[in-house]
Amino acid sequence: MSAVIDKPVKEPGWWEAPPRAAWEEEPSRAGLAGKGLALSLACLAILFPLWIVVVTSLSSRKTIDEAGGLVMVPKDITFVAYQELLSGGQVTRAAIISVLVTLVGTLFSMTVSVLCAYGLSRSGSLGHRWILMMLLATMFFSAGLIPTYLLVQSLGLTDSYLALILPSALSVFNILVLRGFFMGISQELIDSARIDGAGDFRILRQIVMPLSRAVLAVITLFYAVGYWSAWFNASLYLNDQDMMPLQNVMIQLVQKQEAPVGLGQAIKTGQLSGLAVQMAVMVMALLPVAVLSPFIQKHFKKGMLTGAVKG
């Protein structure tokens, strides 16, 4: 009798449906059509407003006036709004501030979160239960806005870029997700590294973190989006308009509270449409998240679900 050789099972690609269990019925054509229609409507509801924002930002003042506001059909495409925004004025400075705050803040938050989560994931670490309980308590109880502002003021962080990072540097939820993922790593693997003479920092750097790329990518995206989209801390702790990040400048333009000097003059003289400027700032604020999300999307299921279940 010839031996039966088991062929390796090929995992489906991202474009292929996963294999069904033996007890699951094949979907009907009506069911597939209904799912396709529902997904198409959901995508349309998400993409159509984005399409209007992008097309309006690329439209001339004449096209916007003819449309009576938002433009749906592209006509007379122009990049004047983006050229004015990136010409070195307040918007350019605000974009640079947002990028720097996002990079520095994300690096600081990830460093502290990973160290805290790794310490809490080791059952023999000193006081890890009490520290975990105190962290959990902050998820349900907070000091409030006024005590937080007084604390930031007493530390001398007002009118400082640190006020955009430190008050929101840590998320207990993100720490718990990291902790749950770290606890799922084989203890035998860590013990073998200790036998070879590796310390905690080396174990974390060379064993734990390489095995946790999925959850690290997801949490990094969470922190980065949080810093990039944050506006409340700047409006609360900063008084200098030249220090405002991009989100706050966008709010000022959308609400027509105060436009930068160059843009305000161009809008008043009719060279530029105020609506096109507003839409262009929105595109600039959404672009980094829209570009990075597809690259991190594949890690969401593995990173979030594994960390949550094993925690």
Protein backbone atom coordinates (compact mmCIF):
# COMPACT_ATOMS: atom_id res chain seq x y z
CA MET A 1 0.00 0.00 0.00
CA SER A 2 1.28 3.39 -0.90
CA ALA A 3 1.71 5.85 1.88
CA VAL A 4 -0.68 8.76 1.96
CA ILE A 5 1.15 12.07 2.00
CA ASP A 6 -0.73 14.98 3.57
CA LYS A 7 -0.46 18.07 1.46
CA PRO A 8 0.00 21.34 3.33
CA VAL A 9 -3.17 23.36 3.55
CA LYS A 10 -2.86 26.62 1.68
CA GLU A 11 -4.16 29.62 3.54
CA PRO A 12 -6.64 31.74 1.57
CA GLY A 13 -5.50 35.13 0.38
CA TRP A 14 -7.13 38.40 1.38
CA TRP A 15 -9.32 38.25 -1.73
CA GLU A 16 -10.56 34.71 -1.02
CA ALA A 17 -13.25 33.65 1.41
CA PRO A 18 -12.07 31.45 4.32
CA PRO A 19 -13.02 27.75 4.15
CA ARG A 20 -16.42 26.94 5.62
CA ALA A 21 -17.00 24.42 8.38
CA ALA A 22 -18.59 21.09 7.49
CA TRP A 23 -21.87 21.98 9.20
CA GLU A 24 -22.27 25.36 7.51
CA GLU A 25 -24.55 25.62 4.51
CA GLU A 26 -23.51 27.25 1.29
CA PRO A 27 -24.88 30.79 1.02
CA SER A 28 -27.74 31.34 -1.37
CA ARG A 29 -27.54 33.72 -4.30
CA ALA A 30 -30.10 35.99 -2.66
CA GLY A 31 -28.00 36.10 0.51
CA LEU A 32 -24.82 36.93 -1.39
CA ALA A 33 -26.63 39.61 -3.38
CA GLY A 34 -28.06 41.11 -0.19
CA LYS A 35 -24.65 41.20 1.48
CA GLY A 36 -23.08 42.74 -1.60
CA LEU A 37 -25.80 45.39 -1.78
CA ALA A 38 -25.49 46.23 1.93
CA LEU A 39 -21.69 46.52 1.71
CA SER A 40 -21.94 48.65 -1.43
CA LEU A 41 -24.38 51.03 0.24
CA ALA A 42 -22.16 51.25 3.32
CA CYS A 43 -19.09 52.02 1.19
CA LEU A 44 -21.06 54.60 -0.79
CA ALA A 45 -22.24 56.29 2.41
CA ILE A 46 -18.62 56.58 3.56
CA LEU A 47 -16.91 57.46 0.28
CA PHE A 48 -19.47 59.90 -1.15
CA PRO A 49 -18.91 62.63 1.48
CA LEU A 50 -15.14 62.18 1.10
CA TRP A 51 -15.51 62.52 -2.65
CA ILE A 52 -17.41 65.80 -2.23
CA VAL A 53 -14.76 67.16 0.15
CA VAL A 54 -11.88 66.29 -2.22
CA VAL A 55 -13.62 67.59 -5.36
CA THR A 56 -14.63 70.85 -3.65
CA SER A 57 -11.07 71.41 -2.44
CA LEU A 58 -9.84 71.07 -6.04
CA SER A 59 -12.49 73.35 -7.54
CA SER A 60 -12.09 76.97 -8.56
CA ARG A 61 -14.12 79.79 -7.07
CA LYS A 62 -16.21 80.02 -10.25
CA THR A 63 -17.11 76.32 -10.11
CA ILE A 64 -18.07 76.53 -6.43
CA ASP A 65 -20.22 79.61 -7.07
CA GLU A 66 -21.96 77.89 -9.99
CA ALA A 67 -22.66 74.81 -7.83
CA GLY A 68 -23.95 76.99 -5.02
CA GLY A 69 -21.60 75.40 -2.48
CA LEU A 70 -20.25 71.85 -2.39
CA VAL A 71 -19.21 70.41 -5.74
CA MET A 72 -20.01 66.83 -6.71
CA VAL A 73 -18.86 66.77 -10.35
CA PRO A 74 -15.20 67.75 -10.93
CA LYS A 75 -14.71 70.71 -13.24
CA ASP A 76 -11.84 73.16 -13.75
CA ILE A 77 -9.53 71.28 -11.36
CA THR A 78 -7.05 73.55 -9.61
CA PHE A 79 -4.60 73.17 -6.73
CA VAL A 80 -4.68 76.83 -5.73
CA ALA A 81 -6.14 76.08 -2.30
CA TYR A 82 -3.35 73.60 -1.49
CA GLN A 83 -0.69 75.95 -2.86
CA GLU A 84 -1.93 78.74 -0.60
CA LEU A 85 -2.12 76.44 2.41
CA LEU A 86 1.40 75.10 1.89
CA SER A 87 2.99 78.42 0.98
CA GLY A 88 4.69 78.74 4.36
CA GLY A 89 1.97 80.41 6.41
CA GLN A 90 0.16 79.41 9.56
CA VAL A 91 -1.33 76.24 8.07
CA THR A 92 2.10 74.93 7.04
CA ARG A 93 3.47 75.67 10.50
CA ALA A 94 0.46 73.99 12.11
CA ALA A 95 0.93 70.88 9.95
CA ILE A 96 4.60 70.64 10.96
CA ILE A 97 3.63 71.03 14.63
CA SER A 98 1.02 68.26 14.31
CA VAL A 99 3.52 65.92 12.65
CA LEU A 100 6.18 66.51 15.31
CA VAL A 101 3.71 66.17 18.20
CA THR A 102 2.35 62.97 16.68
CA LEU A 103 5.80 61.42 16.19
CA VAL A 104 7.20 62.39 19.61
CA GLY A 105 3.96 61.64 21.45
CA THR A 106 3.48 58.25 19.82
CA LEU A 107 7.07 57.24 20.55
CA PHE A 108 6.77 58.32 24.19
CA SER A 109 3.37 56.67 24.67
CA MET A 110 4.44 53.40 23.08
CA THR A 111 7.65 53.25 25.13
CA VAL A 112 5.87 53.77 28.45
CA SER A 113 2.91 51.53 27.51
CA VAL A 114 5.12 48.63 26.41
CA LEU A 115 7.26 48.82 29.56
CA CYS A 116 4.19 49.05 31.80
CA ALA A 117 2.36 46.24 30.01
CA TYR A 118 5.38 43.94 30.12
CA GLY A 119 5.86 44.53 33.84
CA LEU A 120 2.18 43.85 34.53
CA SER A 121 2.24 40.69 32.40
CA ARG A 122 4.89 39.07 34.62
CA SER A 123 3.11 37.52 37.61
CA GLY A 124 6.21 37.74 39.80
CA SER A 125 6.85 41.46 39.32
CA LEU A 126 6.75 43.64 42.43
CA GLY A 127 3.32 45.08 43.23
CA HIS A 128 1.87 44.31 39.81
CA ARG A 129 -1.59 43.53 41.21
CA TRP A 130 -1.88 46.83 43.08
CA ILE A 131 -0.57 48.78 40.11
CA LEU A 132 -3.05 47.01 37.83
CA MET A 133 -5.92 47.82 40.19
CA MET A 134 -4.93 51.50 40.29
CA LEU A 135 -4.78 51.62 36.50
CA LEU A 136 -8.20 50.02 36.23
CA ALA A 137 -9.61 52.54 38.71
CA THR A 138 -8.62 55.40 36.40
CA MET A 139 -10.87 53.94 33.69
CA PHE A 140 -13.94 54.53 35.88
CA PHE A 141 -12.96 57.54 38.00
CA SER A 142 -11.20 60.74 36.91
CA ALA A 143 -10.31 63.95 38.66
CA GLY A 144 -12.18 66.11 36.19
CA LEU A 145 -11.30 68.97 33.89
CA ILE A 146 -10.59 71.70 36.45
CA PRO A 147 -8.17 69.65 38.65
CA THR A 148 -6.42 68.44 35.51
CA TYR A 149 -6.00 72.00 34.25
CA LEU A 150 -4.71 73.16 37.65
CA LEU A 151 -2.20 70.29 37.67
CA VAL A 152 -0.91 71.14 34.20
CA GLN A 153 -0.70 74.80 35.18
CA SER A 154 1.16 74.06 38.42
CA LEU A 155 3.70 71.99 36.46
CA GLY A 156 4.36 74.95 34.18
CA LEU A 157 3.20 73.16 31.04
CA THR A 158 0.79 75.81 29.77
CA ASP A 159 1.88 77.35 26.46
CA SER A 160 4.19 74.37 26.02
CA TYR A 161 4.11 71.54 23.49
CA LEU A 162 4.44 69.09 26.38
CA ALA A 163 0.86 70.01 27.27
CA LEU A 164 -0.17 68.35 24.01
CA ILE A 165 1.57 65.08 24.95
CA LEU A 166 1.76 64.42 28.68
CA PRO A 167 -1.91 64.84 29.76
CA SER A 168 -3.03 62.18 27.25
CA ALA A 169 0.16 60.15 26.96
CA LEU A 170 -1.22 56.86 28.30
CA SER A 171 -4.34 54.83 27.61
CA VAL A 172 -5.16 52.13 30.16
CA PHE A 173 -7.13 50.27 27.52
CA ASN A 174 -4.08 50.07 25.25
CA ILE A 175 -1.93 48.90 28.17
CA LEU A 176 -4.42 46.13 28.96
CA VAL A 177 -4.45 44.97 25.34
CA LEU A 178 -0.64 44.85 25.28
CA ARG A 179 -0.59 43.05 28.62
CA GLY A 180 -3.01 40.43 27.37
CA PHE A 181 -0.91 39.79 24.30
CA PHE A 182 2.32 39.59 26.29
CA MET A 183 0.73 37.07 28.68
CA GLY A 184 -0.02 34.82 25.71
CA ILE A 185 3.67 34.42 24.86
CA SER A 186 5.05 31.06 25.95
CA GLN A 187 6.56 31.23 29.44
CA GLU A 188 8.96 28.41 28.52
CA LEU A 189 10.47 30.62 25.82
CA ILE A 190 11.10 33.41 28.32
CA ASP A 191 12.47 30.99 30.91
CA SER A 192 14.90 29.54 28.39
CA ALA A 193 16.15 33.05 27.63
CA ARG A 194 16.67 33.69 31.35
CA ILE A 195 18.68 30.48 31.62
CA ASP A 196 20.91 31.79 28.82
CA GLY A 197 21.54 34.90 30.90
CA ALA A 198 19.17 37.37 29.24
CA GLY A 199 17.73 40.16 31.38
CA ASP A 200 14.24 41.62 31.25
CA PHE A 201 15.10 44.40 28.82
CA ARG A 202 16.82 42.00 26.45
CA ILE A 203 13.90 39.56 26.64
CA LEU A 204 11.49 42.37 25.92
CA ARG A 205 13.56 43.72 23.01
CA GLN A 206 14.61 40.47 21.33
CA ILE A 207 11.78 38.04 22.15
CA VAL A 208 8.56 39.70 23.28
CA MET A 209 8.44 42.64 20.87
CA PRO A 210 9.31 40.69 17.69
CA LEU A 211 6.51 38.24 18.55
CA SER A 212 4.08 41.11 19.16
CA ARG A 213 4.38 43.03 15.90
CA ALA A 214 0.64 42.81 15.21
CA VAL A 215 -0.55 44.30 18.48
CA LEU A 216 2.26 46.86 18.51
CA ALA A 217 1.23 48.07 15.05
CA VAL A 218 -2.39 48.43 16.12
CA ILE A 219 -1.64 50.28 19.36
CA THR A 220 0.83 52.53 17.54
CA LEU A 221 -1.92 53.48 15.09
CA PHE A 222 -4.32 54.16 17.98
CA TYR A 223 -1.87 56.52 19.65
CA ALA A 224 -0.86 58.21 16.39
CA VAL A 225 -4.47 58.86 15.34
CA GLY A 226 -5.23 60.17 18.82
CA TYR A 227 -2.37 62.68 18.74
CA TRP A 228 -3.04 63.70 15.15
CA SER A 229 -6.76 64.28 15.74
CA ALA A 230 -6.44 65.92 19.18
CA TRP A 231 -7.55 69.53 19.44
CA PHE A 232 -8.99 69.96 22.94
CA ASN A 233 -5.67 70.06 24.81
CA ALA A 234 -4.35 72.73 22.46
CA SER A 235 -7.43 74.90 22.85
CA LEU A 236 -7.24 74.48 26.63
CA TYR A 237 -3.52 74.85 27.37
CA LEU A 238 -2.19 76.99 24.49
CA ASN A 239 -2.79 80.73 24.12
CA ASP A 240 -0.31 81.47 21.33
CA GLN A 241 -1.91 81.08 17.90
CA ASP A 242 1.48 80.31 16.34
CA MET A 243 1.69 77.14 18.47
CA MET A 244 -1.67 75.73 17.42
CA PRO A 245 -1.67 72.32 15.63
CA LEU A 246 -3.44 71.63 12.36
CA GLN A 247 -6.73 70.48 13.88
CA ASN A 248 -7.23 73.76 15.73
CA VAL A 249 -6.43 75.81 12.63
CA MET A 250 -8.93 73.68 10.71
CA ILE A 251 -11.61 74.42 13.32
CA GLN A 252 -10.92 78.14 13.03
CA LEU A 253 -11.22 77.99 9.24
CA VAL A 254 -14.36 75.85 9.23
CA GLN A 255 -16.08 78.00 11.84
CA LYS A 256 -14.74 81.15 10.11
CA GLN A 257 -13.47 82.48 13.40
CA GLU A 258 -10.09 83.61 12.16
CA ALA A 259 -8.30 82.93 8.90
CA PRO A 260 -4.53 83.21 8.43
CA VAL A 261 -3.40 86.58 7.08
CA GLY A 262 -2.45 85.40 3.58
CA LEU A 263 -5.51 83.23 3.14
CA GLY A 264 -7.82 85.87 4.53
CA GLN A 265 -6.55 88.42 2.00
CA ALA A 266 -6.86 85.94 -0.89
CA ILE A 267 -10.43 85.09 0.12
CA LYS A 268 -11.44 88.75 0.47
CA THR A 269 -10.06 89.69 -2.95
CA GLY A 270 -11.90 86.79 -4.60
CA GLN A 271 -8.78 84.94 -5.70
CA LEU A 272 -9.66 81.97 -3.53
CA SER A 273 -12.86 80.39 -2.26
CA GLY A 274 -13.17 80.08 1.50
CA LEU A 275 -15.06 76.81 1.06
CA ALA A 276 -12.24 75.33 -1.02
CA VAL A 277 -9.77 76.26 1.72
CA GLN A 278 -11.92 74.61 4.37
CA MET A 279 -12.21 71.40 2.35
CA ALA A 280 -8.47 71.41 1.58
CA VAL A 281 -7.61 71.64 5.27
CA MET A 282 -9.97 68.72 5.94
CA VAL A 283 -8.21 66.65 3.28
CA MET A 284 -4.84 67.47 4.82
CA ALA A 285 -6.11 66.41 8.24
CA LEU A 286 -7.58 63.13 6.94
CA LEU A 287 -4.78 62.17 4.54
CA PRO A 288 -2.25 60.64 7.02
CA VAL A 289 -4.87 58.43 8.66
CA ALA A 290 -6.28 57.35 5.30
CA VAL A 291 -2.79 56.45 4.03
CA LEU A 292 -1.63 54.53 7.11
CA SER A 293 -4.82 52.62 7.93
CA PRO A 294 -4.69 50.12 5.02
CA PHE A 295 -1.17 49.04 6.01
CA ILE A 296 -2.22 48.41 9.63
CA GLN A 297 -5.61 46.89 8.82
CA LYS A 298 -4.28 43.35 8.40
CA HIS A 299 -2.99 43.41 12.00
CA PHE A 300 -6.29 44.48 13.59
CA LYS A 301 -7.90 41.06 13.94
CA LYS A 302 -4.80 39.32 15.28
CA GLY A 303 -3.66 42.20 17.45
CA MET A 304 -6.91 43.29 19.08
CA LEU A 305 -8.75 39.97 19.42
CA THR A 306 -5.75 38.00 20.69
CA GLY A 307 -4.87 40.68 23.22
CA ALA A 308 -8.44 41.01 24.43
CA VAL A 309 -9.18 37.27 24.70
CA LYS A 310 -5.93 36.27 26.39
CA GLY A 311 -6.09 39.22 28.80
